[in-house]
């Protein structure tokens, strides 16, 4: 088995992330409003839920205004995240893949996980190379998990 070729991919704002976040917050607001409207008399539970919703709005605004901007690089052996002059080596875990985009969890040693929303850009070859690298299993010569040396 061969490793995927090296690829560098810019990470910027994600339209899908903004859209999904907006839809989720609007649905949550509609449910909260309907629950408050149907309650005999709104009490502390609706107020607590509204407070939690406002906290979620704050987190959403923060993540949309200050997304993870940088460069994700696969050198053929390891993943690297470059942002603001800092380079971190780590691993990526694809969490959601919808062909035109992926949601990744980048984990660097001794750093918190970073969630990256990547979308296909105008350079289709670079996107295809990135997706091949994401789904590469292990290093060259390493068997796929669950397979033995006897497997055909």
Foldseek 3Di string as FASTA:
>chain_A
DFAFAKAKDWFDADPVLVVVLVVVLVVLVVVLVVVCVPDPHDDVVSVVSVVVSVVSVVVSVVCRVDPDTFMWIDHRAWIWTDDPNDIFTFAKDFDDDDPQWTWIWTDGPPDHIHITIDGDDPPVVSVVSVVSNNPDAHHPPDDHPPDDPPDD
